[in-house]
Amino acid sequence: PLSALISHAFKGAPESVPAKVKVLMLPGIMDLRILHVLKHTTHLHIFTKLMVRGLLDMYWRLLVKSFYMAHISFRLVEVLVLLIWAVVDLKSELARRMTWAFLFVSACREVEAEICEIVAYLPCGHLRGNLRQFVA
């Protein structure tokens, strides 16, 4: 059975210890508004709580990790294009245009990211999503 398989898999494991698993079955807990509130909190002691650390771990696994890996992949392609541009003599007009187009798109992506960061730090930036609360 399963218990025999598990005991065989961990047989001889020097660090085998029993573990408690806690599950939170609360609908809507993986909402980005919660992540936004956690980002802007001044009560840093809540990050010592197991539930908050579990939420951040799940956010990392479900959302942030994939975006981070895509960002790193895009950066690697940028470096590769720059290396090819610097090392290889691009005689083909198409290759030169494709290189310039990719680098232009990359620069536009950086400018857009910087603009979004600037807008996020504007004094009234926190009102954008919840403007209805303040108008009513």
N, C-alpha and C. Protein backbone atom coordinates (compact mmCIF):
# COMPACT_ATOMS: atom_id res chain seq x y z
N PRO A 1 0.81 -1.20 0.00
CA PRO A 1 0.00 0.00 0.00
C PRO A 1 0.86 1.27 0.00
N LEU A 2 0.16 2.41 0.09
CA LEU A 2 0.83 3.70 0.02
C LEU A 2 1.80 3.91 1.17
N SER A 3 1.42 3.51 2.38
CA SER A 3 2.31 3.72 3.53
C SER A 3 3.61 2.95 3.38
N ALA A 4 3.55 1.76 2.81
CA ALA A 4 4.76 0.97 2.59
C ALA A 4 5.66 1.64 1.55
N LEU A 5 5.05 2.20 0.52
CA LEU A 5 5.80 2.89 -0.51
C LEU A 5 6.48 4.14 0.05
N ILE A 6 5.75 4.89 0.87
CA ILE A 6 6.31 6.10 1.48
C ILE A 6 7.44 5.75 2.43
N SER A 7 7.24 4.74 3.26
CA SER A 7 8.29 4.36 4.21
C SER A 7 9.52 3.84 3.48
N HIS A 8 9.33 3.16 2.34
CA HIS A 8 10.46 2.69 1.56
C HIS A 8 11.20 3.86 0.92
N ALA A 9 10.46 4.88 0.47
CA ALA A 9 11.08 6.03 -0.18
C ALA A 9 11.92 6.84 0.80
N PHE A 10 11.49 6.91 2.05
CA PHE A 10 12.21 7.71 3.04
C PHE A 10 13.06 6.85 3.96
N LYS A 11 13.25 5.61 3.63
CA LYS A 11 14.03 4.71 4.47
C LYS A 11 15.48 5.19 4.49
N GLY A 12 15.99 5.35 5.66
CA GLY A 12 17.36 5.79 5.81
C GLY A 12 17.55 7.29 5.69
N ALA A 13 16.47 8.03 5.54
CA ALA A 13 16.59 9.49 5.46
C ALA A 13 16.94 10.03 6.84
N PRO A 14 18.07 10.70 6.98
CA PRO A 14 18.51 11.14 8.30
C PRO A 14 17.67 12.27 8.89
N GLU A 15 16.99 13.04 8.09
CA GLU A 15 16.28 14.22 8.57
C GLU A 15 14.77 14.04 8.53
N SER A 16 14.26 12.84 8.65
CA SER A 16 12.81 12.62 8.58
C SER A 16 12.17 13.06 9.89
N VAL A 17 11.25 14.01 9.79
CA VAL A 17 10.53 14.50 10.96
C VAL A 17 9.06 14.64 10.58
N PRO A 18 8.17 14.43 11.53
CA PRO A 18 6.75 14.64 11.23
C PRO A 18 6.47 16.13 11.00
N ALA A 19 5.52 16.42 10.14
CA ALA A 19 5.19 17.81 9.82
C ALA A 19 3.68 18.01 9.93
N LYS A 20 3.30 19.20 10.39
CA LYS A 20 1.90 19.57 10.42
C LYS A 20 1.59 20.39 9.18
N VAL A 21 0.48 20.10 8.56
CA VAL A 21 0.05 20.84 7.38
C VAL A 21 -1.24 21.57 7.72
N LYS A 22 -1.26 22.87 7.46
CA LYS A 22 -2.46 23.67 7.70
C LYS A 22 -2.99 24.13 6.35
N VAL A 23 -4.29 24.05 6.18
CA VAL A 23 -4.94 24.43 4.92
C VAL A 23 -5.96 25.52 5.21
N LEU A 24 -5.94 26.56 4.39
CA LEU A 24 -6.90 27.64 4.50
C LEU A 24 -7.88 27.52 3.34
N MET A 25 -9.13 27.24 3.64
CA MET A 25 -10.16 27.07 2.61
C MET A 25 -11.07 28.29 2.62
N LEU A 26 -10.55 29.42 2.22
CA LEU A 26 -11.30 30.67 2.21
C LEU A 26 -11.42 31.15 0.77
N PRO A 27 -12.62 31.20 0.22
CA PRO A 27 -12.78 31.63 -1.18
C PRO A 27 -12.34 33.07 -1.37
N GLY A 28 -11.63 33.32 -2.47
CA GLY A 28 -11.22 34.68 -2.81
C GLY A 28 -9.98 35.17 -2.09
N ILE A 29 -9.28 34.30 -1.39
CA ILE A 29 -8.11 34.74 -0.62
C ILE A 29 -6.93 35.09 -1.54
N MET A 30 -6.90 34.53 -2.75
CA MET A 30 -5.81 34.82 -3.67
C MET A 30 -6.17 36.00 -4.57
N ASP A 31 -6.57 37.09 -3.96
CA ASP A 31 -6.97 38.29 -4.68
C ASP A 31 -5.78 39.25 -4.71
N LEU A 32 -5.57 39.92 -5.82
CA LEU A 32 -4.44 40.84 -5.94
C LEU A 32 -4.59 42.06 -5.03
N ARG A 33 -5.83 42.36 -4.63
CA ARG A 33 -6.01 43.49 -3.70
C ARG A 33 -5.37 43.19 -2.35
N ILE A 34 -5.38 41.91 -1.96
CA ILE A 34 -4.73 41.53 -0.70
C ILE A 34 -3.23 41.72 -0.82
N LEU A 35 -2.66 41.34 -1.95
CA LEU A 35 -1.23 41.56 -2.18
C LEU A 35 -0.90 43.04 -2.17
N HIS A 36 -1.79 43.86 -2.73
CA HIS A 36 -1.59 45.31 -2.73
C HIS A 36 -1.59 45.87 -1.30
N VAL A 37 -2.52 45.39 -0.49
CA VAL A 37 -2.59 45.85 0.91
C VAL A 37 -1.33 45.42 1.66
N LEU A 38 -0.88 44.19 1.44
CA LEU A 38 0.33 43.72 2.10
C LEU A 38 1.55 44.54 1.67
N LYS A 39 1.56 44.96 0.42
CA LYS A 39 2.68 45.76 -0.08
C LYS A 39 2.76 47.11 0.62
N HIS A 40 1.59 47.70 0.91
CA HIS A 40 1.57 49.06 1.46
C HIS A 40 1.39 49.11 2.98
N THR A 41 1.45 47.98 3.65
CA THR A 41 1.23 48.00 5.09
C THR A 41 2.46 48.55 5.83
N THR A 42 2.19 49.20 6.93
CA THR A 42 3.28 49.67 7.80
C THR A 42 3.46 48.74 8.99
N HIS A 43 2.56 47.79 9.14
CA HIS A 43 2.62 46.83 10.25
C HIS A 43 3.43 45.62 9.82
N LEU A 44 4.74 45.73 9.93
CA LEU A 44 5.63 44.69 9.41
C LEU A 44 5.58 43.41 10.23
N HIS A 45 5.04 43.47 11.44
CA HIS A 45 4.99 42.27 12.27
C HIS A 45 4.04 41.20 11.70
N ILE A 46 3.13 41.60 10.81
CA ILE A 46 2.21 40.59 10.25
C ILE A 46 2.94 39.62 9.34
N PHE A 47 4.13 39.97 8.87
CA PHE A 47 4.89 39.07 8.00
C PHE A 47 5.53 37.93 8.78
N THR A 48 5.43 37.96 10.10
CA THR A 48 5.91 36.83 10.90
C THR A 48 4.83 35.76 11.05
N LYS A 49 3.60 36.09 10.69
CA LYS A 49 2.49 35.15 10.82
C LYS A 49 2.57 34.09 9.72
N LEU A 50 2.23 32.86 10.08
CA LEU A 50 2.30 31.74 9.16
C LEU A 50 1.35 31.91 7.98
N MET A 51 0.16 32.44 8.22
CA MET A 51 -0.82 32.61 7.15
C MET A 51 -0.32 33.60 6.10
N VAL A 52 0.25 34.71 6.53
CA VAL A 52 0.73 35.72 5.59
C VAL A 52 1.91 35.17 4.79
N ARG A 53 2.81 34.46 5.45
CA ARG A 53 3.94 33.87 4.75
C ARG A 53 3.47 32.81 3.75
N GLY A 54 2.45 32.06 4.11
CA GLY A 54 1.88 31.08 3.19
C GLY A 54 1.23 31.74 1.98
N LEU A 55 0.52 32.86 2.22
CA LEU A 55 -0.08 33.60 1.11
C LEU A 55 0.99 34.13 0.16
N LEU A 56 2.05 34.70 0.72
CA LEU A 56 3.12 35.22 -0.13
C LEU A 56 3.80 34.11 -0.91
N ASP A 57 3.95 32.95 -0.29
CA ASP A 57 4.54 31.81 -0.98
C ASP A 57 3.65 31.37 -2.15
N MET A 58 2.35 31.35 -1.93
CA MET A 58 1.43 30.97 -3.00
C MET A 58 1.41 32.03 -4.11
N TYR A 59 1.44 33.32 -3.74
CA TYR A 59 1.51 34.37 -4.75
C TYR A 59 2.76 34.19 -5.60
N TRP A 60 3.90 33.88 -4.93
CA TRP A 60 5.15 33.68 -5.66
C TRP A 60 5.01 32.50 -6.63
N ARG A 61 4.49 31.39 -6.14
CA ARG A 61 4.39 30.20 -6.99
C ARG A 61 3.41 30.39 -8.15
N LEU A 62 2.27 31.02 -7.89
CA LEU A 62 1.23 31.11 -8.91
C LEU A 62 1.39 32.29 -9.86
N LEU A 63 1.87 33.42 -9.36
CA LEU A 63 1.90 34.63 -10.19
C LEU A 63 3.30 35.14 -10.48
N VAL A 64 4.00 35.46 -9.45
CA VAL A 64 5.24 36.21 -9.61
C VAL A 64 6.32 35.38 -10.28
N LYS A 65 6.41 34.11 -9.96
CA LYS A 65 7.47 33.27 -10.50
C LYS A 65 7.40 33.21 -12.03
N SER A 66 6.21 33.04 -12.59
CA SER A 66 6.10 32.95 -14.05
C SER A 66 6.46 34.28 -14.71
N PHE A 67 6.02 35.41 -14.13
CA PHE A 67 6.39 36.71 -14.69
C PHE A 67 7.89 36.96 -14.57
N TYR A 68 8.46 36.55 -13.44
CA TYR A 68 9.89 36.72 -13.22
C TYR A 68 10.69 35.90 -14.23
N MET A 69 10.27 34.65 -14.45
CA MET A 69 10.98 33.80 -15.41
C MET A 69 10.84 34.36 -16.84
N ALA A 70 9.68 34.90 -17.18
CA ALA A 70 9.50 35.51 -18.50
C ALA A 70 10.40 36.74 -18.64
N HIS A 71 10.50 37.53 -17.58
CA HIS A 71 11.36 38.72 -17.60
C HIS A 71 12.83 38.31 -17.78
N ILE A 72 13.27 37.30 -17.05
CA ILE A 72 14.65 36.83 -17.17
C ILE A 72 14.91 36.28 -18.58
N SER A 73 13.95 35.54 -19.11
CA SER A 73 14.10 35.00 -20.47
C SER A 73 14.22 36.12 -21.49
N PHE A 74 13.40 37.14 -21.34
CA PHE A 74 13.45 38.28 -22.26
C PHE A 74 14.80 38.98 -22.17
N ARG A 75 15.31 39.12 -20.94
CA ARG A 75 16.62 39.74 -20.75
C ARG A 75 17.74 38.93 -21.41
N LEU A 76 17.66 37.60 -21.30
CA LEU A 76 18.66 36.75 -21.94
C LEU A 76 18.63 36.90 -23.46
N VAL A 77 17.44 36.99 -24.02
CA VAL A 77 17.32 37.20 -25.47
C VAL A 77 17.90 38.56 -25.85
N GLU A 78 17.65 39.58 -25.03
CA GLU A 78 18.23 40.90 -25.28
C GLU A 78 19.74 40.84 -25.33
N VAL A 79 20.34 40.19 -24.34
CA VAL A 79 21.79 40.08 -24.28
C VAL A 79 22.31 39.31 -25.49
N LEU A 80 21.61 38.25 -25.86
CA LEU A 80 22.01 37.46 -27.02
C LEU A 80 21.97 38.30 -28.29
N VAL A 81 20.92 39.09 -28.48
CA VAL A 81 20.82 39.96 -29.66
C VAL A 81 21.93 40.99 -29.65
N LEU A 82 22.21 41.56 -28.50
CA LEU A 82 23.30 42.55 -28.42
C LEU A 82 24.65 41.91 -28.72
N LEU A 83 24.87 40.69 -28.23
CA LEU A 83 26.12 39.99 -28.53
C LEU A 83 26.24 39.70 -30.02
N ILE A 84 25.18 39.23 -30.62
CA ILE A 84 25.21 38.95 -32.06
C ILE A 84 25.48 40.24 -32.84
N TRP A 85 24.84 41.31 -32.41
CA TRP A 85 25.01 42.60 -33.08
C TRP A 85 26.45 43.09 -32.97
N ALA A 86 27.08 42.86 -31.81
CA ALA A 86 28.44 43.34 -31.59
C ALA A 86 29.49 42.44 -32.26
N VAL A 87 29.25 41.14 -32.30
CA VAL A 87 30.27 40.20 -32.78
C VAL A 87 30.14 39.92 -34.27
N VAL A 88 28.92 39.73 -34.73
CA VAL A 88 28.70 39.34 -36.12
C VAL A 88 28.50 40.58 -36.97
N ASP A 89 29.13 40.57 -38.12
CA ASP A 89 28.94 41.67 -39.07
C ASP A 89 27.65 41.41 -39.85
N LEU A 90 26.61 42.15 -39.53
CA LEU A 90 25.32 41.94 -40.16
C LEU A 90 25.27 42.65 -41.50
N LYS A 91 25.48 41.89 -42.55
CA LYS A 91 25.46 42.47 -43.89
C LYS A 91 24.05 42.49 -44.46
N SER A 92 23.20 41.63 -43.96
CA SER A 92 21.83 41.56 -44.47
C SER A 92 21.01 42.72 -43.91
N GLU A 93 20.33 43.39 -44.79
CA GLU A 93 19.46 44.50 -44.36
C GLU A 93 18.34 44.00 -43.45
N LEU A 94 17.80 42.82 -43.76
CA LEU A 94 16.73 42.24 -42.94
C LEU A 94 17.22 41.94 -41.53
N ALA A 95 18.41 41.38 -41.39
CA ALA A 95 18.95 41.06 -40.07
C ALA A 95 19.19 42.33 -39.26
N ARG A 96 19.71 43.37 -39.93
CA ARG A 96 19.92 44.64 -39.21
C ARG A 96 18.60 45.25 -38.78
N ARG A 97 17.59 45.21 -39.63
CA ARG A 97 16.28 45.76 -39.28
C ARG A 97 15.63 44.98 -38.15
N MET A 98 15.74 43.66 -38.19
CA MET A 98 15.17 42.84 -37.12
C MET A 98 15.87 43.11 -35.79
N THR A 99 17.19 43.27 -35.83
CA THR A 99 17.93 43.58 -34.61
C THR A 99 17.50 44.92 -34.03
N TRP A 100 17.43 45.94 -34.89
CA TRP A 100 17.01 47.25 -34.43
C TRP A 100 15.57 47.23 -33.93
N ALA A 101 14.71 46.50 -34.62
CA ALA A 101 13.31 46.42 -34.19
C ALA A 101 13.20 45.77 -32.81
N PHE A 102 13.93 44.69 -32.61
CA PHE A 102 13.88 44.02 -31.31
C PHE A 102 14.41 44.93 -30.21
N LEU A 103 15.52 45.62 -30.48
CA LEU A 103 16.08 46.52 -29.46
C LEU A 103 15.16 47.71 -29.21
N PHE A 104 14.46 48.18 -30.24
CA PHE A 104 13.50 49.27 -30.05
C PHE A 104 12.33 48.81 -29.17
N VAL A 105 11.81 47.62 -29.44
CA VAL A 105 10.72 47.08 -28.62
C VAL A 105 11.19 46.89 -27.19
N SER A 106 12.42 46.44 -27.02
CA SER A 106 12.98 46.25 -25.68
C SER A 106 13.07 47.59 -24.94
N ALA A 107 13.52 48.62 -25.65
CA ALA A 107 13.62 49.95 -25.03
C ALA A 107 12.23 50.49 -24.68
N CYS A 108 11.26 50.28 -25.56
CA CYS A 108 9.88 50.72 -25.27
C CYS A 108 9.33 49.99 -24.05
N ARG A 109 9.64 48.72 -23.92
CA ARG A 109 9.20 47.94 -22.75
C ARG A 109 9.79 48.52 -21.46
N GLU A 110 11.05 48.91 -21.51
CA GLU A 110 11.70 49.51 -20.34
C GLU A 110 11.07 50.86 -20.00
N VAL A 111 10.81 51.67 -21.01
CA VAL A 111 10.19 52.99 -20.77
C VAL A 111 8.80 52.81 -20.16
N GLU A 112 8.03 51.85 -20.68
CA GLU A 112 6.69 51.60 -20.14
C GLU A 112 6.76 51.15 -18.69
N ALA A 113 7.73 50.30 -18.36
CA ALA A 113 7.88 49.84 -16.97
C ALA A 113 8.24 51.00 -16.05
N GLU A 114 9.10 51.89 -16.52
CA GLU A 114 9.49 53.04 -15.70
C GLU A 114 8.32 54.00 -15.50
N ILE A 115 7.53 54.22 -16.56
CA ILE A 115 6.36 55.10 -16.44
C ILE A 115 5.36 54.52 -15.45
N CYS A 116 5.12 53.21 -15.53
CA CYS A 116 4.20 52.58 -14.58
C CYS A 116 4.70 52.71 -13.15
N GLU A 117 6.01 52.60 -12.97
CA GLU A 117 6.57 52.75 -11.62
C GLU A 117 6.42 54.18 -11.12
N ILE A 118 6.63 55.14 -11.98
CA ILE A 118 6.47 56.55 -11.60
C ILE A 118 5.02 56.83 -11.23
N VAL A 119 4.08 56.35 -12.04
CA VAL A 119 2.66 56.57 -11.77
C VAL A 119 2.27 55.92 -10.44
N ALA A 120 2.84 54.77 -10.14
CA ALA A 120 2.50 54.08 -8.89
C ALA A 120 2.95 54.88 -7.67
N TYR A 121 3.99 55.72 -7.82
CA TYR A 121 4.49 56.49 -6.69
C TYR A 121 3.96 57.91 -6.64
N LEU A 122 3.03 58.25 -7.53
CA LEU A 122 2.43 59.57 -7.45
C LEU A 122 1.65 59.71 -6.15
N PRO A 123 1.52 60.92 -5.61
CA PRO A 123 0.84 61.10 -4.32
C PRO A 123 -0.57 60.53 -4.28
N CYS A 124 -1.32 60.60 -5.36
CA CYS A 124 -2.68 60.07 -5.37
C CYS A 124 -2.76 58.73 -6.08
N GLY A 125 -1.64 58.07 -6.26
CA GLY A 125 -1.63 56.81 -6.97
C GLY A 125 -2.45 55.74 -6.29
N HIS A 126 -2.58 55.77 -4.98
CA HIS A 126 -3.36 54.76 -4.27
C HIS A 126 -4.87 54.96 -4.45
N LEU A 127 -5.29 56.10 -4.99
CA LEU A 127 -6.72 56.35 -5.18
C LEU A 127 -7.25 55.79 -6.50
N ARG A 128 -6.36 55.44 -7.43
CA ARG A 128 -6.80 55.04 -8.76
C ARG A 128 -7.80 53.90 -8.74
N GLY A 129 -7.50 52.84 -8.02
CA GLY A 129 -8.37 51.68 -8.03
C GLY A 129 -9.62 51.84 -7.19
N ASN A 130 -9.59 52.70 -6.19
CA ASN A 130 -10.69 52.81 -5.24
C ASN A 130 -11.32 54.20 -5.27
N LEU A 131 -11.35 54.82 -6.43
CA LEU A 131 -11.88 56.18 -6.54
C LEU A 131 -13.37 56.25 -6.19
N ARG A 132 -14.10 55.16 -6.46
CA ARG A 132 -15.54 55.16 -6.16
C ARG A 132 -15.79 55.33 -4.66
N GLN A 133 -14.90 54.86 -3.83
CA GLN A 133 -15.07 54.99 -2.37
C GLN A 133 -15.05 56.46 -1.95
N PHE A 134 -14.20 57.24 -2.62
CA PHE A 134 -14.02 58.61 -2.19
C PHE A 134 -15.00 59.57 -2.85
N VAL A 135 -15.57 59.19 -3.99
CA VAL A 135 -16.52 60.06 -4.68
C VAL A 135 -17.89 59.99 -4.02
N ALA A 136 -18.30 58.80 -3.60
CA ALA A 136 -19.65 58.61 -3.05
C ALA A 136 -19.85 59.32 -1.74
